[in-house]
Amino acid sequence: MSEASKKVLKKVDHSQRPDVEQALMRFVENPVDHRLRFEKYKGMDNLYSIRANYRLRIYLADDGDMQMQIVHIGNHDFAKRIK
């Protein structure tokens, strides 16, 4: 895990940490697990998201070489702000 990803994870509220960790484990095991609701953002070359829980999304940037970096953990507003 990159240092930038670790910094983003440190900012996660402790009450949300189990959901985030579980989603990341699922993603590592099976990126297309339907519970994650993996999606690519249209108009964004390398931005994707997976679902940690009903309100919480984990935003990932494709760094190439089959690696993803966590860029943000939050609600859908993040994707709207960066468009």
PDB file of N, CA and C in Angstrom:
ATOM      1  N   MET A   1       0.842  -1.171   0.000  1.00  0.00           N
ATOM      2  CA  MET A   1       0.000   0.000   0.000  1.00  0.00           C
ATOM      3  C   MET A   1       0.891   1.240   0.000  1.00  0.00           C
ATOM      4  N   SER A   2       0.535   2.202  -0.821  1.00  0.00           N
ATOM      5  CA  SER A   2       1.349   3.409  -0.934  1.00  0.00           C
ATOM      6  C   SER A   2       1.221   4.278   0.317  1.00  0.00           C
ATOM      7  N   GLU A   3       2.185   5.146   0.505  1.00  0.00           N
ATOM      8  CA  GLU A   3       2.148   6.076   1.645  1.00  0.00           C
ATOM      9  C   GLU A   3       0.938   7.003   1.544  1.00  0.00           C
ATOM     10  N   ALA A   4       0.607   7.449   0.333  1.00  0.00           N
ATOM     11  CA  ALA A   4      -0.560   8.317   0.143  1.00  0.00           C
ATOM     12  C   ALA A   4      -1.842   7.591   0.550  1.00  0.00           C
ATOM     13  N   SER A   5      -1.951   6.319   0.196  1.00  0.00           N
ATOM     14  CA  SER A   5      -3.130   5.529   0.572  1.00  0.00           C
ATOM     15  C   SER A   5      -3.207   5.363   2.086  1.00  0.00           C
ATOM     16  N   LYS A   6      -2.073   5.145   2.715  1.00  0.00           N
ATOM     17  CA  LYS A   6      -2.035   4.997   4.171  1.00  0.00           C
ATOM     18  C   LYS A   6      -2.506   6.277   4.857  1.00  0.00           C
ATOM     19  N   LYS A   7      -2.134   7.432   4.322  1.00  0.00           N
ATOM     20  CA  LYS A   7      -2.558   8.716   4.899  1.00  0.00           C
ATOM     21  C   LYS A   7      -4.073   8.873   4.813  1.00  0.00           C
ATOM     22  N   VAL A   8      -4.650   8.475   3.681  1.00  0.00           N
ATOM     23  CA  VAL A   8      -6.104   8.560   3.517  1.00  0.00           C
ATOM     24  C   VAL A   8      -6.787   7.634   4.519  1.00  0.00           C
ATOM     25  N   LEU A   9      -6.271   6.436   4.693  1.00  0.00           N
ATOM     26  CA  LEU A   9      -6.863   5.474   5.624  1.00  0.00           C
ATOM     27  C   LEU A   9      -6.802   5.962   7.066  1.00  0.00           C
ATOM     28  N   LYS A  10      -5.743   6.671   7.427  1.00  0.00           N
ATOM     29  CA  LYS A  10      -5.605   7.176   8.794  1.00  0.00           C
ATOM     30  C   LYS A  10      -6.700   8.186   9.142  1.00  0.00           C
ATOM     31  N   LYS A  11      -7.252   8.842   8.129  1.00  0.00           N
ATOM     32  CA  LYS A  11      -8.275   9.860   8.356  1.00  0.00           C
ATOM     33  C   LYS A  11      -9.683   9.279   8.540  1.00  0.00           C
ATOM     34  N   VAL A  12      -9.828   7.985   8.311  1.00  0.00           N
ATOM     35  CA  VAL A  12     -11.140   7.343   8.422  1.00  0.00           C
ATOM     36  C   VAL A  12     -11.562   7.284   9.885  1.00  0.00           C
ATOM     37  N   ASP A  13     -12.805   7.651  10.133  1.00  0.00           N
ATOM     38  CA  ASP A  13     -13.377   7.578  11.478  1.00  0.00           C
ATOM     39  C   ASP A  13     -13.312   6.132  11.979  1.00  0.00           C
ATOM     40  N   HIS A  14     -13.007   5.955  13.247  1.00  0.00           N
ATOM     41  CA  HIS A  14     -12.848   4.609  13.801  1.00  0.00           C
ATOM     42  C   HIS A  14     -14.119   3.775  13.683  1.00  0.00           C
ATOM     43  N   SER A  15     -15.277   4.409  13.711  1.00  0.00           N
ATOM     44  CA  SER A  15     -16.524   3.653  13.579  1.00  0.00           C
ATOM     45  C   SER A  15     -16.724   3.114  12.165  1.00  0.00           C
ATOM     46  N   GLN A  16     -16.065   3.718  11.183  1.00  0.00           N
ATOM     47  CA  GLN A  16     -16.189   3.285   9.792  1.00  0.00           C
ATOM     48  C   GLN A  16     -15.059   2.359   9.350  1.00  0.00           C
ATOM     49  N   ARG A  17     -14.030   2.272  10.146  1.00  0.00           N
ATOM     50  CA  ARG A  17     -12.847   1.501   9.776  1.00  0.00           C
ATOM     51  C   ARG A  17     -13.154   0.023   9.449  1.00  0.00           C
ATOM     52  N   PRO A  18     -13.997  -0.682  10.234  1.00  0.00           N
ATOM     53  CA  PRO A  18     -14.276  -2.090   9.886  1.00  0.00           C
ATOM     54  C   PRO A  18     -14.906  -2.244   8.496  1.00  0.00           C
ATOM     55  N   ASP A  19     -15.822  -1.354   8.134  1.00  0.00           N
ATOM     56  CA  ASP A  19     -16.448  -1.415   6.809  1.00  0.00           C
ATOM     57  C   ASP A  19     -15.424  -1.168   5.706  1.00  0.00           C
ATOM     58  N   VAL A  20     -14.541  -0.218   5.923  1.00  0.00           N
ATOM     59  CA  VAL A  20     -13.520   0.110   4.931  1.00  0.00           C
ATOM     60  C   VAL A  20     -12.554  -1.068   4.775  1.00  0.00           C
ATOM     61  N   GLU A  21     -12.102  -1.616   5.885  1.00  0.00           N
ATOM     62  CA  GLU A  21     -11.170  -2.743   5.825  1.00  0.00           C
ATOM     63  C   GLU A  21     -11.798  -3.953   5.139  1.00  0.00           C
ATOM     64  N   GLN A  22     -13.058  -4.227   5.446  1.00  0.00           N
ATOM     65  CA  GLN A  22     -13.743  -5.358   4.827  1.00  0.00           C
ATOM     66  C   GLN A  22     -13.888  -5.151   3.315  1.00  0.00           C
ATOM     67  N   ALA A  23     -14.252  -3.935   2.906  1.00  0.00           N
ATOM     68  CA  ALA A  23     -14.391  -3.649   1.480  1.00  0.00           C
ATOM     69  C   ALA A  23     -13.057  -3.794   0.757  1.00  0.00           C
ATOM     70  N   LEU A  24     -11.990  -3.321   1.367  1.00  0.00           N
ATOM     71  CA  LEU A  24     -10.675  -3.437   0.734  1.00  0.00           C
ATOM     72  C   LEU A  24     -10.232  -4.891   0.621  1.00  0.00           C
ATOM     73  N   MET A  25     -10.524  -5.691   1.647  1.00  0.00           N
ATOM     74  CA  MET A  25     -10.194  -7.119   1.584  1.00  0.00           C
ATOM     75  C   MET A  25     -10.980  -7.804   0.471  1.00  0.00           C
ATOM     76  N   ARG A  26     -12.264  -7.475   0.354  1.00  0.00           N
ATOM     77  CA  ARG A  26     -13.082  -8.042  -0.726  1.00  0.00           C
ATOM     78  C   ARG A  26     -12.522  -7.642  -2.085  1.00  0.00           C
ATOM     79  N   PHE A  27     -12.114  -6.386  -2.198  1.00  0.00           N
ATOM     80  CA  PHE A  27     -11.586  -5.890  -3.469  1.00  0.00           C
ATOM     81  C   PHE A  27     -10.317  -6.630  -3.862  1.00  0.00           C
ATOM     82  N   VAL A  28      -9.454  -6.877  -2.910  1.00  0.00           N
ATOM     83  CA  VAL A  28      -8.212  -7.603  -3.178  1.00  0.00           C
ATOM     84  C   VAL A  28      -8.529  -9.039  -3.610  1.00  0.00           C
ATOM     85  N   GLU A  29      -9.488  -9.665  -2.932  1.00  0.00           N
ATOM     86  CA  GLU A  29      -9.841 -11.049  -3.241  1.00  0.00           C
ATOM     87  C   GLU A  29     -10.599 -11.178  -4.554  1.00  0.00           C
ATOM     88  N   ASN A  30     -11.536 -10.239  -4.807  1.00  0.00           N
ATOM     89  CA  ASN A  30     -12.384 -10.333  -5.995  1.00  0.00           C
ATOM     90  C   ASN A  30     -12.893  -8.940  -6.363  1.00  0.00           C
ATOM     91  N   PRO A  31     -12.186  -8.212  -7.210  1.00  0.00           N
ATOM     92  CA  PRO A  31     -12.566  -6.830  -7.537  1.00  0.00           C
ATOM     93  C   PRO A  31     -13.966  -6.667  -8.124  1.00  0.00           C
ATOM     94  N   VAL A  32     -14.531  -7.729  -8.671  1.00  0.00           N
ATOM     95  CA  VAL A  32     -15.863  -7.612  -9.269  1.00  0.00           C
ATOM     96  C   VAL A  32     -16.965  -8.150  -8.355  1.00  0.00           C
ATOM     97  N   ASP A  33     -16.670  -8.355  -7.085  1.00  0.00           N
ATOM     98  CA  ASP A  33     -17.677  -8.779  -6.108  1.00  0.00           C
ATOM     99  C   ASP A  33     -18.845  -7.792  -6.170  1.00  0.00           C
ATOM    100  N   HIS A  34     -20.052  -8.286  -6.391  1.00  0.00           N
ATOM    101  CA  HIS A  34     -21.213  -7.411  -6.572  1.00  0.00           C
ATOM    102  C   HIS A  34     -21.501  -6.524  -5.362  1.00  0.00           C
ATOM    103  N   ARG A  35     -21.085  -6.939  -4.178  1.00  0.00           N
ATOM    104  CA  ARG A  35     -21.325  -6.135  -2.970  1.00  0.00           C
ATOM    105  C   ARG A  35     -20.523  -4.830  -2.984  1.00  0.00           C
ATOM    106  N   LEU A  36     -19.443  -4.793  -3.738  1.00  0.00           N
ATOM    107  CA  LEU A  36     -18.596  -3.598  -3.794  1.00  0.00           C
ATOM    108  C   LEU A  36     -19.161  -2.518  -4.713  1.00  0.00           C
ATOM    109  N   ARG A  37     -19.988  -2.921  -5.651  1.00  0.00           N
ATOM    110  CA  ARG A  37     -20.539  -1.992  -6.645  1.00  0.00           C
ATOM    111  C   ARG A  37     -19.428  -1.172  -7.306  1.00  0.00           C
ATOM    112  N   PHE A  38     -18.434  -1.879  -7.759  1.00  0.00           N
ATOM    113  CA  PHE A  38     -17.285  -1.277  -8.435  1.00  0.00           C
ATOM    114  C   PHE A  38     -17.770  -0.470  -9.637  1.00  0.00           C
ATOM    115  N   GLU A  39     -17.325   0.767  -9.744  1.00  0.00           N
ATOM    116  CA  GLU A  39     -17.714   1.574 -10.897  1.00  0.00           C
ATOM    117  C   GLU A  39     -16.587   2.497 -11.322  1.00  0.00           C
ATOM    118  N   LYS A  40     -16.541   2.739 -12.619  1.00  0.00           N
ATOM    119  CA  LYS A  40     -15.585   3.673 -13.210  1.00  0.00           C
ATOM    120  C   LYS A  40     -16.353   4.955 -13.497  1.00  0.00           C
ATOM    121  N   TYR A  41     -15.748   6.079 -13.223  1.00  0.00           N
ATOM    122  CA  TYR A  41     -16.413   7.351 -13.469  1.00  0.00           C
ATOM    123  C   TYR A  41     -16.208   7.798 -14.903  1.00  0.00           C
ATOM    124  N   LYS A  42     -17.315   8.048 -15.564  1.00  0.00           N
ATOM    125  CA  LYS A  42     -17.263   8.510 -16.949  1.00  0.00           C
ATOM    126  C   LYS A  42     -16.591   9.872 -16.995  1.00  0.00           C
ATOM    127  N   GLY A  43     -15.780  10.070 -18.002  1.00  0.00           N
ATOM    128  CA  GLY A  43     -15.075  11.329 -18.154  1.00  0.00           C
ATOM    129  C   GLY A  43     -13.804  11.418 -17.323  1.00  0.00           C
ATOM    130  N   MET A  44     -13.547  10.405 -16.529  1.00  0.00           N
ATOM    131  CA  MET A  44     -12.336  10.375 -15.700  1.00  0.00           C
ATOM    132  C   MET A  44     -11.519   9.172 -16.151  1.00  0.00           C
ATOM    133  N   ASP A  45     -10.317   9.410 -16.591  1.00  0.00           N
ATOM    134  CA  ASP A  45      -9.507   8.323 -17.140  1.00  0.00           C
ATOM    135  C   ASP A  45      -9.174   7.245 -16.121  1.00  0.00           C
ATOM    136  N   ASN A  46      -8.965   7.635 -14.880  1.00  0.00           N
ATOM    137  CA  ASN A  46      -8.458   6.630 -13.944  1.00  0.00           C
ATOM    138  C   ASN A  46      -9.150   6.631 -12.587  1.00  0.00           C
ATOM    139  N   LEU A  47     -10.372   7.154 -12.477  1.00  0.00           N
ATOM    140  CA  LEU A  47     -11.049   7.196 -11.180  1.00  0.00           C
ATOM    141  C   LEU A  47     -12.125   6.128 -11.095  1.00  0.00           C
ATOM    142  N   TYR A  48     -12.068   5.349 -10.029  1.00  0.00           N
ATOM    143  CA  TYR A  48     -13.007   4.266  -9.766  1.00  0.00           C
ATOM    144  C   TYR A  48     -13.476   4.385  -8.326  1.00  0.00           C
ATOM    145  N   SER A  49     -14.557   3.675  -7.999  1.00  0.00           N
ATOM    146  CA  SER A  49     -14.970   3.629  -6.602  1.00  0.00           C
ATOM    147  C   SER A  49     -15.551   2.270  -6.275  1.00  0.00           C
ATOM    148  N   ILE A  50     -15.460   1.926  -4.994  1.00  0.00           N
ATOM    149  CA  ILE A  50     -16.107   0.731  -4.462  1.00  0.00           C
ATOM    150  C   ILE A  50     -16.888   1.157  -3.228  1.00  0.00           C
ATOM    151  N   ARG A  51     -17.865   0.357  -2.874  1.00  0.00           N
ATOM    152  CA  ARG A  51     -18.746   0.684  -1.754  1.00  0.00           C
ATOM    153  C   ARG A  51     -18.240   0.017  -0.480  1.00  0.00           C
ATOM    154  N   ALA A  52     -18.066   0.817   0.580  1.00  0.00           N
ATOM    155  CA  ALA A  52     -17.700   0.270   1.886  1.00  0.00           C
ATOM    156  C   ALA A  52     -18.959  -0.011   2.707  1.00  0.00           C
ATOM    157  N   ASN A  53     -19.930   0.892   2.624  1.00  0.00           N
ATOM    158  CA  ASN A  53     -21.245   0.692   3.232  1.00  0.00           C
ATOM    159  C   ASN A  53     -22.245   1.571   2.480  1.00  0.00           C
ATOM    160  N   TYR A  54     -23.447   1.686   2.990  1.00  0.00           N
ATOM    161  CA  TYR A  54     -24.498   2.385   2.262  1.00  0.00           C
ATOM    162  C   TYR A  54     -24.107   3.808   1.855  1.00  0.00           C
ATOM    163  N   ARG A  55     -23.425   4.532   2.726  1.00  0.00           N
ATOM    164  CA  ARG A  55     -23.074   5.930   2.455  1.00  0.00           C
ATOM    165  C   ARG A  55     -21.611   6.157   2.105  1.00  0.00           C
ATOM    166  N   LEU A  56     -20.788   5.196   2.336  1.00  0.00           N
ATOM    167  CA  LEU A  56     -19.340   5.400   2.263  1.00  0.00           C
ATOM    168  C   LEU A  56     -18.742   4.719   1.038  1.00  0.00           C
ATOM    169  N   ARG A  57     -18.012   5.497   0.234  1.00  0.00           N
ATOM    170  CA  ARG A  57     -17.337   4.980  -0.955  1.00  0.00           C
ATOM    171  C   ARG A  57     -15.828   5.135  -0.775  1.00  0.00           C
ATOM    172  N   ILE A  58     -15.096   4.239  -1.396  1.00  0.00           N
ATOM    173  CA  ILE A  58     -13.642   4.298  -1.416  1.00  0.00           C
ATOM    174  C   ILE A  58     -13.260   4.625  -2.854  1.00  0.00           C
ATOM    175  N   TYR A  59     -12.611   5.746  -3.047  1.00  0.00           N
ATOM    176  CA  TYR A  59     -12.221   6.203  -4.390  1.00  0.00           C
ATOM    177  C   TYR A  59     -10.791   5.772  -4.678  1.00  0.00           C
ATOM    178  N   LEU A  60     -10.621   5.189  -5.845  1.00  0.00           N
ATOM    179  CA  LEU A  60      -9.337   4.618  -6.229  1.00  0.00           C
ATOM    180  C   LEU A  60      -8.878   5.204  -7.558  1.00  0.00           C
ATOM    181  N   ALA A  61      -7.597   5.445  -7.665  1.00  0.00           N
ATOM    182  CA  ALA A  61      -6.998   5.898  -8.923  1.00  0.00           C
ATOM    183  C   ALA A  61      -6.139   4.760  -9.456  1.00  0.00           C
ATOM    184  N   ASP A  62      -6.287   4.493 -10.729  1.00  0.00           N
ATOM    185  CA  ASP A  62      -5.492   3.451 -11.380  1.00  0.00           C
ATOM    186  C   ASP A  62      -4.111   4.015 -11.682  1.00  0.00           C
ATOM    187  N   ASP A  63      -3.109   3.464 -11.026  1.00  0.00           N
ATOM    188  CA  ASP A  63      -1.725   3.906 -11.221  1.00  0.00           C
ATOM    189  C   ASP A  63      -1.034   3.166 -12.351  1.00  0.00           C
ATOM    190  N   GLY A  64      -1.750   2.282 -13.010  1.00  0.00           N
ATOM    191  CA  GLY A  64      -1.131   1.454 -14.039  1.00  0.00           C
ATOM    192  C   GLY A  64      -0.488   0.249 -13.395  1.00  0.00           C
ATOM    193  N   ASP A  65       0.041  -0.626 -14.197  1.00  0.00           N
ATOM    194  CA  ASP A  65       0.705  -1.829 -13.693  1.00  0.00           C
ATOM    195  C   ASP A  65      -0.167  -2.611 -12.712  1.00  0.00           C
ATOM    196  N   MET A  66      -1.497  -2.598 -12.953  1.00  0.00           N
ATOM    197  CA  MET A  66      -2.437  -3.364 -12.128  1.00  0.00           C
ATOM    198  C   MET A  66      -2.427  -2.922 -10.665  1.00  0.00           C
ATOM    199  N   GLN A  67      -2.185  -1.639 -10.414  1.00  0.00           N
ATOM    200  CA  GLN A  67      -2.185  -1.122  -9.046  1.00  0.00           C
ATOM    201  C   GLN A  67      -3.184   0.014  -8.918  1.00  0.00           C
ATOM    202  N   MET A  68      -3.872   0.037  -7.786  1.00  0.00           N
ATOM    203  CA  MET A  68      -4.818   1.109  -7.489  1.00  0.00           C
ATOM    204  C   MET A  68      -4.340   1.815  -6.230  1.00  0.00           C
ATOM    205  N   GLN A  69      -4.566   3.116  -6.187  1.00  0.00           N
ATOM    206  CA  GLN A  69      -4.193   3.910  -5.020  1.00  0.00           C
ATOM    207  C   GLN A  69      -5.456   4.521  -4.447  1.00  0.00           C
ATOM    208  N   ILE A  70      -5.618   4.466  -3.141  1.00  0.00           N
ATOM    209  CA  ILE A  70      -6.769   5.085  -2.487  1.00  0.00           C
ATOM    210  C   ILE A  70      -6.543   6.590  -2.494  1.00  0.00           C
ATOM    211  N   VAL A  71      -7.500   7.334  -3.047  1.00  0.00           N
ATOM    212  CA  VAL A  71      -7.343   8.786  -3.103  1.00  0.00           C
ATOM    213  C   VAL A  71      -8.318   9.511  -2.169  1.00  0.00           C
ATOM    214  N   HIS A  72      -9.411   8.828  -1.812  1.00  0.00           N
ATOM    215  CA  HIS A  72     -10.385   9.466  -0.922  1.00  0.00           C
ATOM    216  C   HIS A  72     -11.329   8.405  -0.383  1.00  0.00           C
ATOM    217  N   ILE A  73     -11.813   8.618   0.824  1.00  0.00           N
ATOM    218  CA  ILE A  73     -12.851   7.772   1.391  1.00  0.00           C
ATOM    219  C   ILE A  73     -13.926   8.722   1.895  1.00  0.00           C
ATOM    220  N   GLY A  74     -15.121   8.606   1.333  1.00  0.00           N
ATOM    221  CA  GLY A  74     -16.210   9.503   1.704  1.00  0.00           C
ATOM    222  C   GLY A  74     -17.458   9.192   0.904  1.00  0.00           C
ATOM    223  N   ASN A  75     -18.353  10.175   0.806  1.00  0.00           N
ATOM    224  CA  ASN A  75     -19.606   9.955   0.092  1.00  0.00           C
ATOM    225  C   ASN A  75     -19.467  10.309  -1.385  1.00  0.00           C
ATOM    226  N   HIS A  76     -20.585  10.250  -2.103  1.00  0.00           N
ATOM    227  CA  HIS A  76     -20.572  10.505  -3.553  1.00  0.00           C
ATOM    228  C   HIS A  76     -20.222  11.957  -3.904  1.00  0.00           C
ATOM    229  N   ASP A  77     -20.269  12.858  -2.963  1.00  0.00           N
ATOM    230  CA  ASP A  77     -19.967  14.262  -3.247  1.00  0.00           C
ATOM    231  C   ASP A  77     -18.554  14.458  -3.779  1.00  0.00           C
ATOM    232  N   PHE A  78     -17.639  13.597  -3.385  1.00  0.00           N
ATOM    233  CA  PHE A  78     -16.252  13.722  -3.846  1.00  0.00           C
ATOM    234  C   PHE A  78     -16.178  13.670  -5.365  1.00  0.00           C
ATOM    235  N   ALA A  79     -16.838  12.706  -5.974  1.00  0.00           N
ATOM    236  CA  ALA A  79     -16.797  12.569  -7.434  1.00  0.00           C
ATOM    237  C   ALA A  79     -17.427  13.771  -8.121  1.00  0.00           C
ATOM    238  N   LYS A  80     -18.462  14.326  -7.537  1.00  0.00           N
ATOM    239  CA  LYS A  80     -19.119  15.498  -8.119  1.00  0.00           C
ATOM    240  C   LYS A  80     -18.207  16.720  -8.071  1.00  0.00           C
ATOM    241  N   ARG A  81     -17.424  16.844  -6.994  1.00  0.00           N
ATOM    242  CA  ARG A  81     -16.537  18.004  -6.815  1.00  0.00           C
ATOM    243  C   ARG A  81     -15.394  18.026  -7.799  1.00  0.00           C
ATOM    244  N   ILE A  82     -14.890  16.861  -8.198  1.00  0.00           N
ATOM    245  CA  ILE A  82     -13.703  16.851  -9.027  1.00  0.00           C
ATOM    246  C   ILE A  82     -13.988  16.862 -10.517  1.00  0.00           C
ATOM    247  N   LYS A  83     -15.242  16.751 -10.902  1.00  0.00           N
ATOM    248  CA  LYS A  83     -15.590  16.752 -12.332  1.00  0.00           C
ATOM    249  C   LYS A  83     -15.442  18.119 -12.932  1.00  0.00           C
TER     250      LYS A  83
END
